[in-house]
Amino acid sequence: MKKSGKWNVANISSNMFRGNCRHLLIVGANTISPKQKMAGQEDPVQREIHQDWANREYIEVITSSIKKIADFLNSFDMSCRSRLATLNEKLTALERRIEYIEARVTKGETLT
């Protein structure tokens, strides 16, 4: 794992394999000092890892938002279908009643 005093990618923290990849610790040659970090001098590998995780977090937010929208639309669809079915039943009952009343009026019967 150690070659000529430098660490390779095999020394990435085992957190990666426990699903906690966001907080990877790269040790050895890839370690940067706090002064370098403050000066914006990150190792290209470290920068790429940070950018990758920023992209993954962004994708996760977008995916979560799309799922929420889909859940809302499905819920809205079911609610509308239910309400329309209820209105359809009421409308059908009213149409039958109107037909009955029209038939009685046509025959000249009283409505009392």
N, C-alpha and C. Protein backbone atom coordinates (compact mmCIF):
# COMPACT_ATOMS: atom_id res chain seq x y z
N MET A 1 0.82 -1.18 0.00
CA MET A 1 0.00 0.00 0.00
C MET A 1 0.87 1.26 0.00
N LYS A 2 1.99 1.18 0.66
CA LYS A 2 2.85 2.34 0.70
C LYS A 2 3.96 2.15 -0.32
N LYS A 3 4.12 3.11 -1.20
CA LYS A 3 5.16 3.03 -2.21
C LYS A 3 6.02 4.27 -2.13
N SER A 4 7.26 4.09 -1.90
CA SER A 4 8.25 5.17 -1.83
C SER A 4 7.77 6.37 -1.02
N GLY A 5 7.21 6.09 0.16
CA GLY A 5 6.80 7.16 1.06
C GLY A 5 5.51 7.86 0.69
N LYS A 6 4.85 7.45 -0.37
CA LYS A 6 3.58 8.08 -0.76
C LYS A 6 2.45 7.08 -0.62
N TRP A 7 1.30 7.60 -0.33
CA TRP A 7 0.11 6.75 -0.19
C TRP A 7 -0.67 6.78 -1.50
N ASN A 8 -1.27 5.66 -1.82
CA ASN A 8 -2.08 5.63 -3.03
C ASN A 8 -3.56 5.60 -2.67
N VAL A 9 -4.40 5.45 -3.66
CA VAL A 9 -5.85 5.50 -3.45
C VAL A 9 -6.33 4.37 -2.54
N ALA A 10 -5.57 3.31 -2.39
CA ALA A 10 -5.97 2.20 -1.52
C ALA A 10 -6.05 2.62 -0.07
N ASN A 11 -5.52 3.79 0.28
CA ASN A 11 -5.55 4.25 1.66
C ASN A 11 -6.74 5.14 1.97
N ILE A 12 -7.72 5.14 1.11
CA ILE A 12 -8.95 5.89 1.40
C ILE A 12 -9.62 5.22 2.59
N SER A 13 -10.16 6.01 3.46
CA SER A 13 -10.78 5.50 4.68
C SER A 13 -11.81 4.41 4.39
N SER A 14 -11.91 3.45 5.29
CA SER A 14 -12.87 2.36 5.12
C SER A 14 -14.30 2.84 5.26
N ASN A 15 -14.49 4.11 5.62
CA ASN A 15 -15.85 4.67 5.68
C ASN A 15 -16.55 4.54 4.33
N MET A 16 -15.78 4.53 3.26
CA MET A 16 -16.36 4.41 1.93
C MET A 16 -17.16 3.13 1.80
N PHE A 17 -16.69 2.09 2.43
CA PHE A 17 -17.35 0.79 2.31
C PHE A 17 -18.48 0.64 3.31
N ARG A 18 -18.66 1.59 4.20
CA ARG A 18 -19.77 1.56 5.16
C ARG A 18 -20.87 2.53 4.73
N GLY A 19 -20.79 3.04 3.52
CA GLY A 19 -21.83 3.93 3.01
C GLY A 19 -21.67 5.37 3.45
N ASN A 20 -20.55 5.72 4.03
CA ASN A 20 -20.34 7.08 4.51
C ASN A 20 -19.29 7.75 3.64
N CYS A 21 -19.46 7.66 2.35
CA CYS A 21 -18.45 8.14 1.41
C CYS A 21 -18.25 9.65 1.44
N ARG A 22 -19.22 10.36 1.96
CA ARG A 22 -19.13 11.82 1.94
C ARG A 22 -17.95 12.32 2.77
N HIS A 23 -17.61 11.59 3.80
CA HIS A 23 -16.56 12.05 4.71
C HIS A 23 -15.29 11.22 4.55
N LEU A 24 -14.85 11.05 3.33
CA LEU A 24 -13.63 10.29 3.08
C LEU A 24 -12.42 11.05 3.61
N LEU A 25 -11.52 10.31 4.17
CA LEU A 25 -10.27 10.90 4.62
C LEU A 25 -9.15 10.31 3.78
N ILE A 26 -8.49 11.13 3.05
CA ILE A 26 -7.38 10.66 2.25
C ILE A 26 -6.11 11.05 2.99
N VAL A 27 -5.28 10.06 3.27
CA VAL A 27 -4.10 10.29 4.08
C VAL A 27 -2.84 10.15 3.23
N GLY A 28 -1.72 10.52 3.80
CA GLY A 28 -0.44 10.37 3.12
C GLY A 28 -0.18 11.54 2.20
N ALA A 29 0.16 11.24 0.96
CA ALA A 29 0.53 12.28 -0.01
C ALA A 29 -0.64 13.19 -0.35
N ASN A 30 -1.86 12.73 -0.15
CA ASN A 30 -3.02 13.54 -0.51
C ASN A 30 -3.49 14.46 0.61
N THR A 31 -2.86 14.40 1.78
CA THR A 31 -3.27 15.24 2.90
C THR A 31 -2.81 16.67 2.63
N ILE A 32 -3.69 17.62 2.91
CA ILE A 32 -3.31 19.03 2.74
C ILE A 32 -3.33 19.70 4.10
N SER A 33 -2.48 20.66 4.25
CA SER A 33 -2.41 21.37 5.52
C SER A 33 -3.54 22.39 5.60
N PRO A 34 -3.91 22.81 6.83
CA PRO A 34 -4.94 23.84 6.96
C PRO A 34 -4.59 25.12 6.21
N LYS A 35 -3.29 25.47 6.18
CA LYS A 35 -2.87 26.67 5.45
C LYS A 35 -3.16 26.54 3.96
N GLN A 36 -2.85 25.33 3.41
CA GLN A 36 -3.12 25.11 1.99
C GLN A 36 -4.61 25.17 1.71
N LYS A 37 -5.39 24.60 2.61
CA LYS A 37 -6.84 24.59 2.41
C LYS A 37 -7.38 26.01 2.43
N MET A 38 -6.91 26.82 3.36
CA MET A 38 -7.38 28.20 3.46
C MET A 38 -6.96 28.99 2.22
N ALA A 39 -5.80 28.65 1.67
CA ALA A 39 -5.32 29.36 0.49
C ALA A 39 -5.98 28.83 -0.79
N GLY A 40 -6.83 27.81 -0.66
CA GLY A 40 -7.52 27.26 -1.82
C GLY A 40 -6.68 26.31 -2.63
N GLN A 41 -5.60 25.79 -2.03
CA GLN A 41 -4.71 24.88 -2.75
C GLN A 41 -5.05 23.43 -2.39
N GLU A 42 -6.10 22.90 -2.96
CA GLU A 42 -6.46 21.51 -2.72
C GLU A 42 -5.78 20.63 -3.74
N ASP A 43 -5.51 19.43 -3.33
CA ASP A 43 -4.99 18.42 -4.22
C ASP A 43 -6.04 18.16 -5.30
N PRO A 44 -5.65 17.99 -6.55
CA PRO A 44 -6.64 17.75 -7.62
C PRO A 44 -7.55 16.54 -7.33
N VAL A 45 -7.00 15.49 -6.74
CA VAL A 45 -7.82 14.32 -6.40
C VAL A 45 -8.85 14.70 -5.35
N GLN A 46 -8.40 15.43 -4.33
CA GLN A 46 -9.30 15.87 -3.27
C GLN A 46 -10.40 16.77 -3.84
N ARG A 47 -10.01 17.68 -4.72
CA ARG A 47 -10.97 18.59 -5.34
C ARG A 47 -11.99 17.81 -6.17
N GLU A 48 -11.51 16.81 -6.90
CA GLU A 48 -12.41 15.99 -7.71
C GLU A 48 -13.39 15.22 -6.83
N ILE A 49 -12.91 14.71 -5.70
CA ILE A 49 -13.79 13.99 -4.77
C ILE A 49 -14.84 14.93 -4.20
N HIS A 50 -14.42 16.13 -3.79
CA HIS A 50 -15.38 17.10 -3.25
C HIS A 50 -16.42 17.48 -4.30
N GLN A 51 -15.97 17.70 -5.54
CA GLN A 51 -16.89 18.05 -6.61
C GLN A 51 -17.85 16.91 -6.90
N ASP A 52 -17.31 15.68 -6.88
CA ASP A 52 -18.16 14.50 -7.11
C ASP A 52 -19.25 14.40 -6.06
N TRP A 53 -18.89 14.62 -4.80
CA TRP A 53 -19.90 14.52 -3.74
C TRP A 53 -20.89 15.68 -3.77
N ALA A 54 -20.42 16.84 -4.18
CA ALA A 54 -21.34 17.97 -4.35
C ALA A 54 -22.35 17.64 -5.45
N ASN A 55 -21.87 17.04 -6.54
CA ASN A 55 -22.76 16.64 -7.63
C ASN A 55 -23.74 15.57 -7.16
N ARG A 56 -23.25 14.60 -6.38
CA ARG A 56 -24.12 13.53 -5.88
C ARG A 56 -25.20 14.10 -4.96
N GLU A 57 -24.82 15.04 -4.10
CA GLU A 57 -25.81 15.66 -3.20
C GLU A 57 -26.85 16.43 -4.01
N TYR A 58 -26.41 17.14 -5.05
CA TYR A 58 -27.33 17.88 -5.91
C TYR A 58 -28.30 16.92 -6.60
N ILE A 59 -27.77 15.83 -7.13
CA ILE A 59 -28.61 14.82 -7.79
C ILE A 59 -29.61 14.24 -6.80
N GLU A 60 -29.17 14.00 -5.57
CA GLU A 60 -30.06 13.45 -4.53
C GLU A 60 -31.20 14.43 -4.23
N VAL A 61 -30.89 15.72 -4.15
CA VAL A 61 -31.92 16.73 -3.89
C VAL A 61 -32.92 16.76 -5.05
N ILE A 62 -32.42 16.75 -6.27
CA ILE A 62 -33.30 16.77 -7.45
C ILE A 62 -34.16 15.52 -7.48
N THR A 63 -33.56 14.35 -7.23
CA THR A 63 -34.30 13.09 -7.22
C THR A 63 -35.39 13.10 -6.16
N SER A 64 -35.04 13.58 -4.98
CA SER A 64 -36.01 13.66 -3.89
C SER A 64 -37.16 14.60 -4.25
N SER A 65 -36.83 15.72 -4.87
CA SER A 65 -37.87 16.68 -5.28
C SER A 65 -38.79 16.07 -6.33
N ILE A 66 -38.23 15.35 -7.28
CA ILE A 66 -39.04 14.70 -8.31
C ILE A 66 -39.97 13.66 -7.69
N LYS A 67 -39.45 12.90 -6.72
CA LYS A 67 -40.29 11.90 -6.04
C LYS A 67 -41.43 12.58 -5.29
N LYS A 68 -41.15 13.70 -4.63
CA LYS A 68 -42.20 14.42 -3.91
C LYS A 68 -43.27 14.94 -4.87
N ILE A 69 -42.84 15.45 -6.01
CA ILE A 69 -43.79 15.94 -7.02
C ILE A 69 -44.64 14.78 -7.54
N ALA A 70 -44.00 13.65 -7.83
CA ALA A 70 -44.75 12.48 -8.32
C ALA A 70 -45.75 12.00 -7.28
N ASP A 71 -45.34 11.96 -6.00
CA ASP A 71 -46.25 11.55 -4.93
C ASP A 71 -47.44 12.51 -4.85
N PHE A 72 -47.16 13.81 -4.93
CA PHE A 72 -48.24 14.79 -4.89
C PHE A 72 -49.20 14.61 -6.06
N LEU A 73 -48.64 14.44 -7.26
CA LEU A 73 -49.49 14.29 -8.44
C LEU A 73 -50.35 13.03 -8.35
N ASN A 74 -49.78 11.93 -7.85
CA ASN A 74 -50.56 10.70 -7.69
C ASN A 74 -51.68 10.90 -6.67
N SER A 75 -51.36 11.57 -5.57
CA SER A 75 -52.36 11.84 -4.55
C SER A 75 -53.47 12.75 -5.11
N PHE A 76 -53.07 13.78 -5.83
CA PHE A 76 -54.02 14.71 -6.44
C PHE A 76 -54.92 13.98 -7.44
N ASP A 77 -54.31 13.10 -8.24
CA ASP A 77 -55.07 12.32 -9.22
C ASP A 77 -56.13 11.46 -8.54
N MET A 78 -55.74 10.75 -7.48
CA MET A 78 -56.70 9.90 -6.76
C MET A 78 -57.81 10.74 -6.14
N SER A 79 -57.46 11.87 -5.57
CA SER A 79 -58.46 12.75 -4.97
C SER A 79 -59.45 13.26 -6.02
N CYS A 80 -58.92 13.69 -7.16
CA CYS A 80 -59.79 14.20 -8.23
C CYS A 80 -60.70 13.10 -8.77
N ARG A 81 -60.15 11.91 -8.96
CA ARG A 81 -60.97 10.80 -9.46
C ARG A 81 -62.11 10.49 -8.49
N SER A 82 -61.79 10.50 -7.20
CA SER A 82 -62.82 10.21 -6.19
C SER A 82 -63.91 11.27 -6.21
N ARG A 83 -63.51 12.53 -6.24
CA ARG A 83 -64.49 13.62 -6.26
C ARG A 83 -65.33 13.61 -7.53
N LEU A 84 -64.69 13.33 -8.66
CA LEU A 84 -65.43 13.27 -9.92
C LEU A 84 -66.42 12.10 -9.92
N ALA A 85 -66.04 10.98 -9.33
CA ALA A 85 -66.95 9.84 -9.25
C ALA A 85 -68.16 10.19 -8.40
N THR A 86 -67.93 10.89 -7.29
CA THR A 86 -69.04 11.31 -6.42
C THR A 86 -69.96 12.27 -7.17
N LEU A 87 -69.38 13.25 -7.86
CA LEU A 87 -70.19 14.20 -8.64
C LEU A 87 -70.95 13.49 -9.75
N ASN A 88 -70.33 12.50 -10.37
CA ASN A 88 -71.00 11.75 -11.43
C ASN A 88 -72.23 11.02 -10.90
N GLU A 89 -72.09 10.42 -9.71
CA GLU A 89 -73.24 9.73 -9.09
C GLU A 89 -74.37 10.72 -8.80
N LYS A 90 -74.02 11.87 -8.25
CA LYS A 90 -75.05 12.89 -7.95
C LYS A 90 -75.72 13.38 -9.22
N LEU A 91 -74.92 13.62 -10.26
CA LEU A 91 -75.46 14.10 -11.53
C LEU A 91 -76.39 13.06 -12.16
N THR A 92 -75.99 11.80 -12.10
CA THR A 92 -76.83 10.72 -12.64
C THR A 92 -78.17 10.66 -11.90
N ALA A 93 -78.12 10.78 -10.58
CA ALA A 93 -79.36 10.77 -9.78
C ALA A 93 -80.25 11.95 -10.16
N LEU A 94 -79.66 13.14 -10.34
CA LEU A 94 -80.44 14.32 -10.73
C LEU A 94 -81.05 14.14 -12.13
N GLU A 95 -80.28 13.58 -13.06
CA GLU A 95 -80.80 13.35 -14.41
C GLU A 95 -82.00 12.40 -14.38
N ARG A 96 -81.91 11.35 -13.59
CA ARG A 96 -83.04 10.41 -13.47
C ARG A 96 -84.27 11.11 -12.89
N ARG A 97 -84.02 11.93 -11.89
CA ARG A 97 -85.14 12.65 -11.26
C ARG A 97 -85.80 13.60 -12.26
N ILE A 98 -84.97 14.31 -13.05
CA ILE A 98 -85.50 15.24 -14.06
C ILE A 98 -86.32 14.47 -15.09
N GLU A 99 -85.81 13.32 -15.55
CA GLU A 99 -86.54 12.51 -16.52
C GLU A 99 -87.89 12.06 -15.95
N TYR A 100 -87.89 11.68 -14.69
CA TYR A 100 -89.13 11.25 -14.04
C TYR A 100 -90.14 12.40 -13.98
N ILE A 101 -89.65 13.57 -13.57
CA ILE A 101 -90.53 14.74 -13.46
C ILE A 101 -91.05 15.15 -14.84
N GLU A 102 -90.19 15.13 -15.86
CA GLU A 102 -90.62 15.47 -17.23
C GLU A 102 -91.70 14.50 -17.71
N ALA A 103 -91.53 13.23 -17.40
CA ALA A 103 -92.52 12.22 -17.81
C ALA A 103 -93.86 12.48 -17.13
N ARG A 104 -93.84 12.84 -15.87
CA ARG A 104 -95.09 13.11 -15.14
C ARG A 104 -95.77 14.37 -15.68
N VAL A 105 -94.95 15.40 -15.98
CA VAL A 105 -95.51 16.65 -16.50
C VAL A 105 -96.13 16.39 -17.88
N THR A 106 -95.45 15.62 -18.70
CA THR A 106 -95.95 15.31 -20.03
C THR A 106 -97.30 14.59 -19.96
N LYS A 107 -97.46 13.68 -19.01
CA LYS A 107 -98.71 12.96 -18.84
C LYS A 107 -99.78 13.83 -18.20
N GLY A 108 -99.40 14.95 -17.65
CA GLY A 108 -100.37 15.84 -17.02
C GLY A 108 -100.64 15.49 -15.57
N GLU A 109 -99.81 14.68 -14.97
CA GLU A 109 -100.01 14.33 -13.56
C GLU A 109 -99.57 15.50 -12.68
N THR A 110 -100.12 15.53 -11.51
CA THR A 110 -99.71 16.56 -10.55
C THR A 110 -98.45 16.09 -9.83
N LEU A 111 -97.70 17.03 -9.36
CA LEU A 111 -96.43 16.71 -8.71
C LEU A 111 -96.55 16.54 -7.20
N THR A 112 -97.76 16.61 -6.66
CA THR A 112 -97.91 16.50 -5.20
C THR A 112 -97.98 15.10 -4.71
